[in-house]
C-alpha cells in the first residue's frame, strides 16, 4: 500500500499503479486473484500496435491489464 500513498495521504482520485501495487491492493482487501491477462491498447496502430502485442507476453510491459479477482467469503 505504500506505493499508493505519498506522505501517508492518498494521491488524487485516479491512480496509475504497477502490477505489484494492484496485487497488494486486492490481497489486502481479501480478494483472491484468479486470472491476470494483458491487453492491447486499441488506439495504437502500425508498428506501435505490433510492439504492444509483443509486450503482452510480459505483464509488466503490457499497456493494459485485465484482472479477475474473487472476494474471499
PDB file of N, CA and C in Angstrom:
ATOM      1  N   UNK A   1       0.811  -1.197   0.000  1.00  0.00           N
ATOM      2  CA  UNK A   1       0.000   0.000   0.000  1.00  0.00           C
ATOM      3  C   UNK A   1       0.856   1.264   0.000  1.00  0.00           C
ATOM      4  N   UNK A   2       2.111   1.144   0.374  1.00  0.00           N
ATOM      5  CA  UNK A   2       2.978   2.312   0.376  1.00  0.00           C
ATOM      6  C   UNK A   2       3.113   2.897  -1.030  1.00  0.00           C
ATOM      7  N   UNK A   3       2.961   2.041  -2.063  1.00  0.00           N
ATOM      8  CA  UNK A   3       3.110   2.516  -3.439  1.00  0.00           C
ATOM      9  C   UNK A   3       1.947   3.403  -3.866  1.00  0.00           C
ATOM     10  N   UNK A   4       0.859   3.419  -3.097  1.00  0.00           N
ATOM     11  CA  UNK A   4      -0.309   4.217  -3.452  1.00  0.00           C
ATOM     12  C   UNK A   4      -0.409   5.513  -2.662  1.00  0.00           C
ATOM     13  N   UNK A   5       0.447   5.716  -1.704  1.00  0.00           N
ATOM     14  CA  UNK A   5       0.336   6.890  -0.841  1.00  0.00           C
ATOM     15  C   UNK A   5       1.604   7.729  -0.900  1.00  0.00           C
ATOM     16  N   UNK A   6       1.428   8.990  -0.668  1.00  0.00           N
ATOM     17  CA  UNK A   6       2.546   9.919  -0.582  1.00  0.00           C
ATOM     18  C   UNK A   6       2.409  10.650   0.735  1.00  0.00           C
ATOM     19  N   UNK A   7       3.381  10.526   1.582  1.00  0.00           N
ATOM     20  CA  UNK A   7       3.372  11.153   2.897  1.00  0.00           C
ATOM     21  C   UNK A   7       2.134  10.753   3.707  1.00  0.00           C
ATOM     22  N   UNK A   8       1.690   9.508   3.555  1.00  0.00           N
ATOM     23  CA  UNK A   8       0.580   8.991   4.335  1.00  0.00           C
ATOM     24  C   UNK A   8      -0.799   9.380   3.843  1.00  0.00           C
ATOM     25  N   UNK A   9      -0.896  10.188   2.783  1.00  0.00           N
ATOM     26  CA  UNK A   9      -2.186  10.626   2.254  1.00  0.00           C
ATOM     27  C   UNK A   9      -2.431  10.021   0.874  1.00  0.00           C
ATOM     28  N   UNK A  10      -3.673   9.681   0.564  1.00  0.00           N
ATOM     29  CA  UNK A  10      -3.972   9.184  -0.789  1.00  0.00           C
ATOM     30  C   UNK A  10      -3.587  10.221  -1.834  1.00  0.00           C
ATOM     31  N   UNK A  11      -3.144   9.756  -2.996  1.00  0.00           N
ATOM     32  CA  UNK A  11      -2.687  10.653  -4.053  1.00  0.00           C
ATOM     33  C   UNK A  11      -3.768  10.764  -5.126  1.00  0.00           C
ATOM     34  N   UNK A  12      -4.659  11.729  -5.014  1.00  0.00           N
ATOM     35  CA  UNK A  12      -5.651  12.003  -6.036  1.00  0.00           C
ATOM     36  C   UNK A  12      -6.706  10.928  -6.223  1.00  0.00           C
ATOM     37  N   UNK A  13      -7.576  11.164  -7.184  1.00  0.00           N
ATOM     38  CA  UNK A  13      -8.682  10.259  -7.467  1.00  0.00           C
ATOM     39  C   UNK A  13      -8.261   9.138  -8.419  1.00  0.00           C
ATOM     40  N   UNK A  14      -7.508   9.472  -9.446  1.00  0.00           N
ATOM     41  CA  UNK A  14      -7.049   8.481 -10.417  1.00  0.00           C
ATOM     42  C   UNK A  14      -5.608   8.127 -10.096  1.00  0.00           C
ATOM     43  N   UNK A  15      -5.349   6.823 -10.053  1.00  0.00           N
ATOM     44  CA  UNK A  15      -4.004   6.366  -9.705  1.00  0.00           C
ATOM     45  C   UNK A  15      -3.456   5.484 -10.809  1.00  0.00           C
ATOM     46  N   UNK A  16      -2.210   5.692 -11.138  1.00  0.00           N
ATOM     47  CA  UNK A  16      -1.509   4.796 -12.045  1.00  0.00           C
ATOM     48  C   UNK A  16      -0.702   3.856 -11.157  1.00  0.00           C
ATOM     49  N   UNK A  17      -0.989   2.550 -11.277  1.00  0.00           N
ATOM     50  CA  UNK A  17      -0.332   1.580 -10.407  1.00  0.00           C
ATOM     51  C   UNK A  17       0.337   0.503 -11.251  1.00  0.00           C
ATOM     52  N   UNK A  18       1.393  -0.042 -10.706  1.00  0.00           N
ATOM     53  CA  UNK A  18       2.007  -1.193 -11.368  1.00  0.00           C
ATOM     54  C   UNK A  18       1.324  -2.467 -10.876  1.00  0.00           C
ATOM     55  N   UNK A  19       1.696  -3.580 -11.471  1.00  0.00           N
ATOM     56  CA  UNK A  19       1.033  -4.847 -11.155  1.00  0.00           C
ATOM     57  C   UNK A  19       1.210  -5.245  -9.688  1.00  0.00           C
ATOM     58  N   UNK A  20       2.359  -4.955  -9.106  1.00  0.00           N
ATOM     59  CA  UNK A  20       2.583  -5.289  -7.693  1.00  0.00           C
ATOM     60  C   UNK A  20       1.655  -4.497  -6.775  1.00  0.00           C
ATOM     61  N   UNK A  21       1.427  -3.228  -7.096  1.00  0.00           N
ATOM     62  CA  UNK A  21       0.532  -2.397  -6.287  1.00  0.00           C
ATOM     63  C   UNK A  21      -0.912  -2.883  -6.398  1.00  0.00           C
ATOM     64  N   UNK A  22      -1.327  -3.298  -7.591  1.00  0.00           N
ATOM     65  CA  UNK A  22      -2.685  -3.813  -7.777  1.00  0.00           C
ATOM     66  C   UNK A  22      -2.865  -5.114  -7.004  1.00  0.00           C
ATOM     67  N   UNK A  23      -1.881  -6.009  -7.092  1.00  0.00           N
ATOM     68  CA  UNK A  23      -1.949  -7.269  -6.342  1.00  0.00           C
ATOM     69  C   UNK A  23      -2.026  -7.004  -4.848  1.00  0.00           C
ATOM     70  N   UNK A  24      -1.229  -6.073  -4.360  1.00  0.00           N
ATOM     71  CA  UNK A  24      -1.227  -5.715  -2.943  1.00  0.00           C
ATOM     72  C   UNK A  24      -2.582  -5.164  -2.518  1.00  0.00           C
ATOM     73  N   UNK A  25      -3.155  -4.282  -3.336  1.00  0.00           N
ATOM     74  CA  UNK A  25      -4.461  -3.712  -3.036  1.00  0.00           C
ATOM     75  C   UNK A  25      -5.524  -4.806  -2.952  1.00  0.00           C
ATOM     76  N   UNK A  26      -5.521  -5.723  -3.907  1.00  0.00           N
ATOM     77  CA  UNK A  26      -6.518  -6.785  -3.924  1.00  0.00           C
ATOM     78  C   UNK A  26      -6.356  -7.748  -2.746  1.00  0.00           C
ATOM     79  N   UNK A  27      -5.142  -8.194  -2.486  1.00  0.00           N
ATOM     80  CA  UNK A  27      -4.938  -9.156  -1.396  1.00  0.00           C
ATOM     81  C   UNK A  27      -5.177  -8.513  -0.023  1.00  0.00           C
ATOM     82  N   UNK A  28      -4.829  -7.252   0.122  1.00  0.00           N
ATOM     83  CA  UNK A  28      -5.084  -6.544   1.377  1.00  0.00           C
ATOM     84  C   UNK A  28      -6.585  -6.454   1.662  1.00  0.00           C
ATOM     85  N   UNK A  29      -7.373  -6.365   0.599  1.00  0.00           N
ATOM     86  CA  UNK A  29      -8.827  -6.264   0.739  1.00  0.00           C
ATOM     87  C   UNK A  29      -9.523  -7.608   0.553  1.00  0.00           C
ATOM     88  N   UNK A  30      -8.769  -8.686   0.765  1.00  0.00           N
ATOM     89  CA  UNK A  30      -9.292 -10.059   0.807  1.00  0.00           C
ATOM     90  C   UNK A  30      -9.895 -10.548  -0.510  1.00  0.00           C
ATOM     91  N   UNK A  31      -9.194 -10.264  -1.614  1.00  0.00           N
ATOM     92  CA  UNK A  31      -9.571 -10.812  -2.907  1.00  0.00           C
ATOM     93  C   UNK A  31      -8.557 -11.867  -3.301  1.00  0.00           C
ATOM     94  N   UNK A  32      -9.032 -12.942  -3.912  1.00  0.00           N
ATOM     95  CA  UNK A  32      -8.150 -13.956  -4.498  1.00  0.00           C
ATOM     96  C   UNK A  32      -8.030 -13.656  -5.983  1.00  0.00           C
ATOM     97  N   UNK A  33      -6.811 -13.482  -6.459  1.00  0.00           N
ATOM     98  CA  UNK A  33      -6.587 -13.211  -7.871  1.00  0.00           C
ATOM     99  C   UNK A  33      -6.686 -14.527  -8.627  1.00  0.00           C
ATOM    100  N   UNK A  34      -7.616 -14.579  -9.590  1.00  0.00           N
ATOM    101  CA  UNK A  34      -7.828 -15.791 -10.357  1.00  0.00           C
ATOM    102  C   UNK A  34      -7.092 -15.760 -11.697  1.00  0.00           C
ATOM    103  N   UNK A  35      -7.150 -14.633 -12.390  1.00  0.00           N
ATOM    104  CA  UNK A  35      -6.514 -14.522 -13.707  1.00  0.00           C
ATOM    105  C   UNK A  35      -5.935 -13.116 -13.869  1.00  0.00           C
ATOM    106  N   UNK A  36      -4.735 -13.052 -14.427  1.00  0.00           N
ATOM    107  CA  UNK A  36      -4.155 -11.777 -14.851  1.00  0.00           C
ATOM    108  C   UNK A  36      -3.839 -11.935 -16.330  1.00  0.00           C
ATOM    109  N   UNK A  37      -4.447 -11.077 -17.144  1.00  0.00           N
ATOM    110  CA  UNK A  37      -4.251 -11.163 -18.584  1.00  0.00           C
ATOM    111  C   UNK A  37      -3.885  -9.788 -19.122  1.00  0.00           C
ATOM    112  N   UNK A  38      -2.948  -9.753 -20.038  1.00  0.00           N
ATOM    113  CA  UNK A  38      -2.528  -8.494 -20.650  1.00  0.00           C
ATOM    114  C   UNK A  38      -3.485  -8.119 -21.771  1.00  0.00           C
ATOM    115  N   UNK A  39      -3.604  -6.832 -22.038  1.00  0.00           N
ATOM    116  CA  UNK A  39      -4.455  -6.368 -23.125  1.00  0.00           C
ATOM    117  C   UNK A  39      -3.709  -5.357 -23.987  1.00  0.00           C
ATOM    118  N   UNK A  40      -4.155  -5.246 -25.212  1.00  0.00           N
ATOM    119  CA  UNK A  40      -3.551  -4.326 -26.185  1.00  0.00           C
ATOM    120  C   UNK A  40      -4.341  -3.026 -26.166  1.00  0.00           C
ATOM    121  N   UNK A  41      -3.640  -1.898 -26.240  1.00  0.00           N
ATOM    122  CA  UNK A  41      -4.289  -0.594 -26.321  1.00  0.00           C
ATOM    123  C   UNK A  41      -4.830  -0.433 -27.733  1.00  0.00           C
ATOM    124  N   UNK A  42      -6.134  -0.348 -27.889  1.00  0.00           N
ATOM    125  CA  UNK A  42      -6.786  -0.398 -29.199  1.00  0.00           C
ATOM    126  C   UNK A  42      -6.467   0.789 -30.103  1.00  0.00           C
ATOM    127  N   UNK A  43      -6.072   1.904 -29.567  1.00  0.00           N
ATOM    128  CA  UNK A  43      -5.849   3.092 -30.402  1.00  0.00           C
ATOM    129  C   UNK A  43      -4.468   3.134 -31.054  1.00  0.00           C
ATOM    130  N   UNK A  44      -3.581   2.233 -30.666  1.00  0.00           N
ATOM    131  CA  UNK A  44      -2.287   2.163 -31.339  1.00  0.00           C
ATOM    132  C   UNK A  44      -2.486   1.595 -32.740  1.00  0.00           C
ATOM    133  N   UNK A  45      -1.612   1.993 -33.641  1.00  0.00           N
ATOM    134  CA  UNK A  45      -1.666   1.436 -34.990  1.00  0.00           C
ATOM    135  C   UNK A  45      -0.247   1.176 -35.486  1.00  0.00           C
ATOM    136  N   UNK A  46      -0.130   0.414 -36.564  1.00  0.00           N
ATOM    137  CA  UNK A  46       1.150   0.154 -37.200  1.00  0.00           C
ATOM    138  C   UNK A  46       2.141  -0.544 -36.299  1.00  0.00           C
ATOM    139  N   UNK A  47       3.373  -0.057 -36.354  1.00  0.00           N
ATOM    140  CA  UNK A  47       4.484  -0.659 -35.618  1.00  0.00           C
ATOM    141  C   UNK A  47       4.253  -0.612 -34.108  1.00  0.00           C
ATOM    142  N   UNK A  48       3.665   0.462 -33.629  1.00  0.00           N
ATOM    143  CA  UNK A  48       3.409   0.602 -32.193  1.00  0.00           C
ATOM    144  C   UNK A  48       2.422  -0.472 -31.710  1.00  0.00           C
ATOM    145  N   UNK A  49       1.422  -0.766 -32.511  1.00  0.00           N
ATOM    146  CA  UNK A  49       0.454  -1.808 -32.156  1.00  0.00           C
ATOM    147  C   UNK A  49       1.137  -3.179 -32.151  1.00  0.00           C
ATOM    148  N   UNK A  50       2.013  -3.420 -33.120  1.00  0.00           N
ATOM    149  CA  UNK A  50       2.753  -4.683 -33.173  1.00  0.00           C
ATOM    150  C   UNK A  50       3.617  -4.851 -31.932  1.00  0.00           C
ATOM    151  N   UNK A  51       4.330  -3.802 -31.546  1.00  0.00           N
ATOM    152  CA  UNK A  51       5.158  -3.855 -30.332  1.00  0.00           C
ATOM    153  C   UNK A  51       4.296  -4.087 -29.098  1.00  0.00           C
ATOM    154  N   UNK A  52       3.148  -3.426 -29.044  1.00  0.00           N
ATOM    155  CA  UNK A  52       2.252  -3.591 -27.902  1.00  0.00           C
ATOM    156  C   UNK A  52       1.778  -5.040 -27.803  1.00  0.00           C
ATOM    157  N   UNK A  53       1.495  -5.672 -28.928  1.00  0.00           N
ATOM    158  CA  UNK A  53       1.085  -7.081 -28.928  1.00  0.00           C
ATOM    159  C   UNK A  53       2.214  -7.972 -28.416  1.00  0.00           C
ATOM    160  N   UNK A  54       3.437  -7.670 -28.810  1.00  0.00           N
ATOM    161  CA  UNK A  54       4.596  -8.441 -28.345  1.00  0.00           C
ATOM    162  C   UNK A  54       4.760  -8.282 -26.834  1.00  0.00           C
ATOM    163  N   UNK A  55       4.574  -7.070 -26.340  1.00  0.00           N
ATOM    164  CA  UNK A  55       4.754  -6.795 -24.915  1.00  0.00           C
ATOM    165  C   UNK A  55       3.691  -7.442 -24.034  1.00  0.00           C
ATOM    166  N   UNK A  56       2.575  -7.907 -24.615  1.00  0.00           N
ATOM    167  CA  UNK A  56       1.543  -8.548 -23.804  1.00  0.00           C
ATOM    168  C   UNK A  56       2.004  -9.885 -23.235  1.00  0.00           C
ATOM    169  N   UNK A  57       3.132 -10.386 -23.709  1.00  0.00           N
ATOM    170  CA  UNK A  57       3.686 -11.635 -23.177  1.00  0.00           C
ATOM    171  C   UNK A  57       4.188 -11.425 -21.748  1.00  0.00           C
ATOM    172  N   UNK A  58       4.642 -10.215 -21.439  1.00  0.00           N
ATOM    173  CA  UNK A  58       5.192  -9.883 -20.122  1.00  0.00           C
ATOM    174  C   UNK A  58       4.285  -8.843 -19.469  1.00  0.00           C
ATOM    175  N   UNK A  59       3.533  -9.227 -18.427  1.00  0.00           N
ATOM    176  CA  UNK A  59       2.565  -8.301 -17.822  1.00  0.00           C
ATOM    177  C   UNK A  59       3.131  -6.940 -17.418  1.00  0.00           C
ATOM    178  N   UNK A  60       4.363  -6.883 -16.965  1.00  0.00           N
ATOM    179  CA  UNK A  60       4.922  -5.597 -16.526  1.00  0.00           C
ATOM    180  C   UNK A  60       5.208  -4.660 -17.701  1.00  0.00           C
ATOM    181  N   UNK A  61       5.231  -5.173 -18.924  1.00  0.00           N
ATOM    182  CA  UNK A  61       5.470  -4.340 -20.101  1.00  0.00           C
ATOM    183  C   UNK A  61       4.201  -4.025 -20.877  1.00  0.00           C
ATOM    184  N   UNK A  62       3.127  -4.685 -20.566  1.00  0.00           N
ATOM    185  CA  UNK A  62       1.883  -4.525 -21.295  1.00  0.00           C
ATOM    186  C   UNK A  62       1.272  -3.148 -21.049  1.00  0.00           C
ATOM    187  N   UNK A  63       0.570  -2.631 -22.061  1.00  0.00           N
ATOM    188  CA  UNK A  63      -0.069  -1.315 -21.904  1.00  0.00           C
ATOM    189  C   UNK A  63      -1.338  -1.400 -21.075  1.00  0.00           C
ATOM    190  N   UNK A  64      -1.869  -2.600 -20.899  1.00  0.00           N
ATOM    191  CA  UNK A  64      -3.076  -2.749 -20.090  1.00  0.00           C
ATOM    192  C   UNK A  64      -3.163  -4.120 -19.455  1.00  0.00           C
ATOM    193  N   UNK A  65      -3.900  -4.194 -18.366  1.00  0.00           N
ATOM    194  CA  UNK A  65      -4.104  -5.462 -17.667  1.00  0.00           C
ATOM    195  C   UNK A  65      -5.581  -5.663 -17.395  1.00  0.00           C
ATOM    196  N   UNK A  66      -5.995  -6.911 -17.472  1.00  0.00           N
ATOM    197  CA  UNK A  66      -7.332  -7.297 -17.034  1.00  0.00           C
ATOM    198  C   UNK A  66      -7.123  -8.311 -15.920  1.00  0.00           C
ATOM    199  N   UNK A  67      -7.692  -8.012 -14.759  1.00  0.00           N
ATOM    200  CA  UNK A  67      -7.508  -8.887 -13.605  1.00  0.00           C
ATOM    201  C   UNK A  67      -8.874  -9.370 -13.139  1.00  0.00           C
ATOM    202  N   UNK A  68      -8.993 -10.668 -13.015  1.00  0.00           N
ATOM    203  CA  UNK A  68     -10.212 -11.268 -12.479  1.00  0.00           C
ATOM    204  C   UNK A  68      -9.887 -11.697 -11.048  1.00  0.00           C
ATOM    205  N   UNK A  69     -10.636 -11.156 -10.093  1.00  0.00           N
ATOM    206  CA  UNK A  69     -10.407 -11.474  -8.683  1.00  0.00           C
ATOM    207  C   UNK A  69     -11.741 -11.740  -8.011  1.00  0.00           C
ATOM    208  N   UNK A  70     -11.728 -12.641  -7.049  1.00  0.00           N
ATOM    209  CA  UNK A  70     -12.951 -13.007  -6.341  1.00  0.00           C
ATOM    210  C   UNK A  70     -12.772 -12.690  -4.855  1.00  0.00           C
ATOM    211  N   UNK A  71     -13.784 -12.056  -4.285  1.00  0.00           N
ATOM    212  CA  UNK A  71     -13.771 -11.698  -2.875  1.00  0.00           C
ATOM    213  C   UNK A  71     -13.845 -12.950  -2.029  1.00  0.00           C
ATOM    214  N   UNK A  72     -12.951 -13.054  -1.023  1.00  0.00           N
ATOM    215  CA  UNK A  72     -12.987 -14.174  -0.088  1.00  0.00           C
ATOM    216  C   UNK A  72     -14.239 -14.058   0.765  1.00  0.00           C
ATOM    217  N   UNK A  73     -14.804 -15.183   1.124  1.00  0.00           N
ATOM    218  CA  UNK A  73     -16.010 -15.175   1.976  1.00  0.00           C
ATOM    219  C   UNK A  73     -15.651 -15.267   3.434  1.00  0.00           C
TER     220      UNK A  73
END
